[in-house]
Amino acid sequence: MILNNSAHVLGAIRGIQEAEKPDEVMRIFTPYVERYGFAHIHLGQLVNPANIAKKDILSISTWPGELMSQRAEKYDLLHDPVALGALRSKRPFRWQKAMEWATRRGQRVIDQTRDFGIRDGYVFPVHSIDSVSGAVSLGGDQLDLSRTELAEVELVSLAAYARLETLLGPFPYQKIEDLTAREAEVIQFAAAGKTNRDIATILSIQPDTVNKTILRAAHKLGTLNRAHTVATAIAKNMIFA
């Protein structure tokens, strides 16, 4: 059992914030989480790998290279219950909790990770106004952190994620251009299934104006069509789901 050590936590955060290079961040972060029994680190943005190249996504991992290659080739992130849980949750949770909503393929993703000797872990979701969601996933063997220990690891994990995003960015998904009030309003009605004519009637504007407004929103979000724009706006918490 690790004793509550606020000085150790604050020292790690201060060192991470002052680090000028990514490897300096990891040299502080890695031994810090090892104190709690974590032997594997996977840190990165939670974005659809089918939409953007891996080189354009914040992703740092000490997991086995073969495991990471297999996950990338099969788009396992799209089925990983831990990653999906991090998108839904604001609070840390244990990997085994994610199994409650795992599909059959999602269960295979977890089993594959265990085959490489990473049998247990916790995930620390990262949600920010200025960036897409991300997560710090820490793996080990037979982990059981107290509430205090969980809070300590969460604070340092969030600091490491934020510093790495700053040092390695900007990323295509890092800074989100705000929709105007009118753009958000139009996309909100589109999300409710309203046609351009319906929206024009509701807002007392021309259907062509509705179409141009959707196109402007799509350009800001980097989306391909109306459905993609609506889905992206929901995913980025710009409109109500």
Protein backbone atom coordinates (compact mmCIF):
# COMPACT_ATOMS: atom_id res chain seq x y z
CA MET A 1 0.00 0.00 0.00
CA ILE A 2 1.35 3.39 -1.02
CA LEU A 3 1.14 6.09 1.59
CA ASN A 4 -0.59 9.32 0.68
CA ASN A 5 2.26 11.58 -0.39
CA SER A 6 1.05 14.98 -1.54
CA ALA A 7 4.61 16.27 -1.94
CA HIS A 8 5.38 13.41 -4.34
CA VAL A 9 2.25 14.12 -6.39
CA LEU A 10 2.89 17.85 -6.60
CA GLY A 11 6.55 17.27 -7.41
CA ALA A 12 5.63 15.01 -10.33
CA ILE A 13 3.10 17.52 -11.67
CA ARG A 14 5.55 20.39 -11.35
CA GLY A 15 8.27 18.43 -13.12
CA ILE A 16 5.92 17.45 -15.95
CA GLN A 17 4.73 21.02 -16.46
CA GLU A 18 8.32 22.26 -16.63
CA ALA A 19 9.45 19.55 -19.06
CA GLU A 20 10.51 20.88 -22.46
CA LYS A 21 10.56 17.58 -24.37
CA PRO A 22 8.15 14.62 -24.55
CA ASP A 23 10.77 12.15 -23.38
CA GLU A 24 11.34 14.30 -20.30
CA VAL A 25 7.62 14.03 -19.50
CA MET A 26 7.77 10.24 -19.84
CA ARG A 27 10.91 10.02 -17.69
CA ILE A 28 8.90 11.56 -14.87
CA PHE A 29 5.55 9.92 -15.57
CA THR A 30 6.73 6.34 -16.09
CA PRO A 31 8.45 5.79 -12.72
CA TYR A 32 5.64 7.68 -11.01
CA VAL A 33 2.95 5.22 -12.16
CA GLU A 34 5.27 2.26 -11.60
CA ARG A 35 5.08 3.06 -7.88
CA TYR A 36 1.39 2.12 -8.06
CA GLY A 37 1.96 -1.16 -9.89
CA PHE A 38 1.47 0.00 -13.48
CA ALA A 39 3.91 -1.46 -16.00
CA HIS A 40 2.30 -0.34 -19.27
CA ILE A 41 1.20 3.10 -20.47
CA HIS A 42 -1.05 3.94 -23.40
CA LEU A 43 -1.92 7.61 -23.81
CA GLY A 44 -3.70 9.32 -26.67
CA GLN A 45 -6.61 11.05 -28.34
CA LEU A 46 -9.81 9.08 -28.92
CA VAL A 47 -10.57 9.70 -32.58
CA ASN A 48 -11.76 7.43 -35.37
CA PRO A 49 -8.63 5.89 -36.93
CA ALA A 50 -10.51 5.54 -40.21
CA ASN A 51 -10.79 9.33 -40.44
CA ILE A 52 -7.25 10.48 -39.73
CA ALA A 53 -3.70 9.15 -40.08
CA LYS A 54 -2.01 7.83 -36.94
CA LYS A 55 0.80 10.35 -37.36
CA ASP A 56 -1.72 13.15 -36.85
CA ILE A 57 -3.07 11.76 -33.57
CA LEU A 58 -1.52 12.13 -30.12
CA SER A 59 -0.55 8.55 -29.28
CA ILE A 60 2.21 7.37 -26.94
CA SER A 61 2.46 3.79 -25.79
CA THR A 62 4.82 1.47 -23.96
CA TRP A 63 2.64 -1.51 -24.89
CA PRO A 64 4.26 -4.29 -26.98
CA GLY A 65 4.76 -3.18 -30.58
CA GLU A 66 3.14 -6.32 -31.97
CA LEU A 67 0.00 -5.68 -29.94
CA MET A 68 -0.23 -2.08 -31.16
CA SER A 69 0.25 -3.19 -34.78
CA GLN A 70 -2.51 -5.78 -34.49
CA ARG A 71 -4.89 -3.26 -32.95
CA ALA A 72 -4.16 -0.71 -35.68
CA GLU A 73 -4.60 -3.18 -38.54
CA LYS A 74 -7.99 -4.36 -37.28
CA TYR A 75 -9.28 -0.92 -36.16
CA ASP A 76 -9.70 -2.43 -32.70
CA LEU A 77 -10.09 1.03 -31.15
CA LEU A 78 -13.60 1.19 -32.65
CA HIS A 79 -14.59 -1.88 -30.61
CA ASP A 80 -12.41 -1.49 -27.51
CA PRO A 81 -14.81 -1.25 -24.52
CA VAL A 82 -12.17 0.61 -22.52
CA ALA A 83 -11.86 3.32 -25.18
CA LEU A 84 -15.64 3.52 -25.60
CA GLY A 85 -16.00 3.79 -21.83
CA ALA A 86 -13.50 6.65 -21.76
CA LEU A 87 -15.65 8.53 -24.28
CA ARG A 88 -18.71 8.12 -22.05
CA SER A 89 -17.18 8.60 -18.63
CA LYS A 90 -15.78 11.66 -16.90
CA ARG A 91 -14.28 9.63 -14.08
CA PRO A 92 -11.55 6.94 -13.95
CA PHE A 93 -12.64 3.33 -14.03
CA ARG A 94 -11.13 -0.14 -13.94
CA TRP A 95 -10.89 -2.08 -17.21
CA GLN A 96 -13.13 -4.83 -15.90
CA LYS A 97 -15.94 -2.28 -15.51
CA ALA A 98 -15.86 -1.71 -19.27
CA MET A 99 -16.63 -5.37 -19.87
CA GLU A 100 -20.21 -4.66 -18.80
CA TRP A 101 -20.91 -2.99 -22.17
CA ALA A 102 -18.43 -4.94 -24.31
CA THR A 103 -19.60 -6.53 -27.55
CA ARG A 104 -18.29 -9.96 -28.55
CA ARG A 105 -15.56 -8.30 -30.61
CA GLY A 106 -14.84 -5.92 -27.74
CA GLN A 107 -14.30 -8.89 -25.45
CA ARG A 108 -11.80 -10.28 -27.94
CA VAL A 109 -9.91 -6.96 -27.88
CA ILE A 110 -9.54 -7.24 -24.10
CA ASP A 111 -8.57 -10.90 -24.35
CA GLN A 112 -5.90 -10.01 -26.90
CA THR A 113 -4.40 -7.47 -24.51
CA ARG A 114 -4.32 -10.08 -21.75
CA ASP A 115 -2.56 -12.51 -24.10
CA PHE A 116 0.34 -10.06 -24.09
CA GLY A 117 0.52 -10.18 -20.30
CA ILE A 118 -1.40 -6.95 -19.62
CA ARG A 119 -4.11 -8.41 -17.42
CA ASP A 120 -5.54 -5.50 -15.46
CA GLY A 121 -5.68 -1.75 -15.63
CA TYR A 122 -7.37 1.57 -15.10
CA VAL A 123 -8.31 4.25 -17.60
CA PHE A 124 -8.32 7.99 -16.90
CA PRO A 125 -10.57 9.87 -19.36
CA VAL A 126 -9.49 13.29 -20.58
CA HIS A 127 -12.15 15.79 -21.69
CA SER A 128 -11.37 19.37 -22.63
CA ILE A 129 -13.10 22.38 -24.19
CA ASP A 130 -10.19 22.92 -26.60
CA SER A 131 -9.58 19.33 -27.70
CA VAL A 132 -11.26 16.06 -28.56
CA SER A 133 -11.54 13.44 -25.85
CA GLY A 134 -8.54 11.36 -24.91
CA ALA A 135 -7.46 8.88 -22.27
CA VAL A 136 -4.53 7.59 -20.25
CA SER A 137 -4.79 3.82 -19.95
CA LEU A 138 -2.46 2.17 -17.44
CA GLY A 139 -2.00 -1.58 -17.29
CA GLY A 140 -0.47 -3.96 -14.82
CA ASP A 141 -1.22 -7.18 -12.97
CA GLN A 142 -3.74 -7.64 -10.16
CA LEU A 143 -4.21 -3.94 -9.44
CA ASP A 144 -6.41 -2.62 -6.65
CA LEU A 145 -5.98 1.08 -5.93
CA SER A 146 -7.57 2.89 -3.04
CA ARG A 147 -9.58 6.06 -3.66
CA THR A 148 -6.66 8.17 -2.57
CA GLU A 149 -4.22 6.35 -4.82
CA LEU A 150 -6.65 6.58 -7.74
CA ALA A 151 -6.91 10.35 -7.25
CA GLU A 152 -3.14 10.70 -7.07
CA VAL A 153 -2.60 8.80 -10.31
CA GLU A 154 -5.42 10.69 -12.02
CA LEU A 155 -3.91 14.10 -11.23
CA VAL A 156 -0.50 13.20 -12.59
CA SER A 157 -1.95 11.37 -15.62
CA LEU A 158 -3.98 14.42 -16.64
CA ALA A 159 -0.92 16.64 -16.23
CA ALA A 160 1.17 14.31 -18.41
CA TYR A 161 -1.50 14.13 -21.10
CA ALA A 162 -1.93 17.91 -21.25
CA ARG A 163 1.81 18.56 -21.41
CA LEU A 164 2.38 15.97 -24.14
CA GLU A 165 -0.50 17.37 -26.19
CA THR A 166 1.08 20.82 -25.92
CA LEU A 167 4.62 19.68 -26.75
CA LEU A 168 3.66 17.39 -29.64
CA GLY A 169 0.77 19.44 -31.08
CA PRO A 170 -1.03 21.15 -32.51
CA PHE A 171 -2.99 18.23 -33.90
CA PRO A 172 -5.78 18.44 -36.51
CA TYR A 173 -8.29 17.59 -33.79
CA GLN A 174 -6.70 19.66 -31.02
CA LYS A 175 -8.24 23.09 -31.51
CA ILE A 176 -11.92 23.09 -32.33
CA GLU A 177 -13.26 26.14 -34.13
CA ASP A 178 -16.51 27.21 -32.53
CA LEU A 179 -19.72 27.12 -34.51
CA THR A 180 -21.63 30.39 -34.62
CA ALA A 181 -24.96 30.51 -32.79
CA ARG A 182 -26.80 30.23 -36.13
CA GLU A 183 -24.66 27.30 -37.32
CA ALA A 184 -25.20 25.41 -34.08
CA GLU A 185 -28.94 26.15 -34.24
CA VAL A 186 -29.26 24.84 -37.80
CA ILE A 187 -27.20 21.72 -37.08
CA GLN A 188 -29.31 21.14 -33.96
CA PHE A 189 -32.48 21.03 -36.06
CA ALA A 190 -30.77 18.85 -38.66
CA ALA A 191 -29.88 16.43 -35.87
CA ALA A 192 -33.59 16.29 -35.02
CA GLY A 193 -34.35 15.09 -38.57
CA LYS A 194 -35.62 18.38 -39.96
CA THR A 195 -35.21 19.04 -43.68
CA ASN A 196 -33.71 22.27 -45.01
CA ARG A 197 -37.23 23.49 -45.81
CA ASP A 198 -38.42 22.61 -42.30
CA ILE A 199 -35.49 24.50 -40.75
CA ALA A 200 -36.06 27.48 -43.04
CA THR A 201 -39.69 27.68 -41.94
CA ILE A 202 -38.82 27.37 -38.25
CA LEU A 203 -36.11 30.04 -38.41
CA SER A 204 -37.86 32.29 -40.99
CA ILE A 205 -34.93 32.11 -43.43
CA GLN A 206 -34.47 30.79 -46.96
CA PRO A 207 -33.72 27.08 -47.61
CA ASP A 208 -30.60 28.16 -49.52
CA THR A 209 -29.42 29.98 -46.41
CA VAL A 210 -29.89 26.80 -44.41
CA ASN A 211 -27.80 24.85 -46.93
CA LYS A 212 -25.01 27.44 -46.91
CA THR A 213 -25.00 27.45 -43.10
CA ILE A 214 -24.59 23.66 -43.00
CA LEU A 215 -21.76 23.88 -45.54
CA ARG A 216 -19.95 26.50 -43.39
CA ALA A 217 -20.31 24.26 -40.34
CA ALA A 218 -19.03 21.28 -42.31
CA HIS A 219 -15.98 23.27 -43.42
CA LYS A 220 -15.17 24.20 -39.82
CA LEU A 221 -15.55 20.62 -38.62
CA GLY A 222 -13.78 19.06 -41.59
CA THR A 223 -16.76 16.84 -42.36
CA LEU A 224 -17.90 15.33 -45.65
CA ASN A 225 -21.68 15.57 -45.64
CA ARG A 226 -24.74 16.51 -43.61
CA ALA A 227 -24.85 13.29 -41.56
CA HIS A 228 -21.13 13.46 -40.85
CA THR A 229 -21.48 17.09 -39.74
CA VAL A 230 -24.32 16.27 -37.35
CA ALA A 231 -22.47 13.26 -35.92
CA THR A 232 -19.26 15.24 -35.45
CA ALA A 233 -21.06 18.15 -33.78
CA ILE A 234 -22.65 15.70 -31.33
CA ALA A 235 -19.35 13.92 -30.69
CA LYS A 236 -17.62 17.23 -29.96
CA ASN A 237 -20.45 18.25 -27.59
CA MET A 238 -21.29 21.30 -29.75
CA ILE A 239 -24.99 20.47 -29.84
CA PHE A 240 -27.38 18.36 -27.81
CA ALA A 241 -27.47 14.68 -28.80
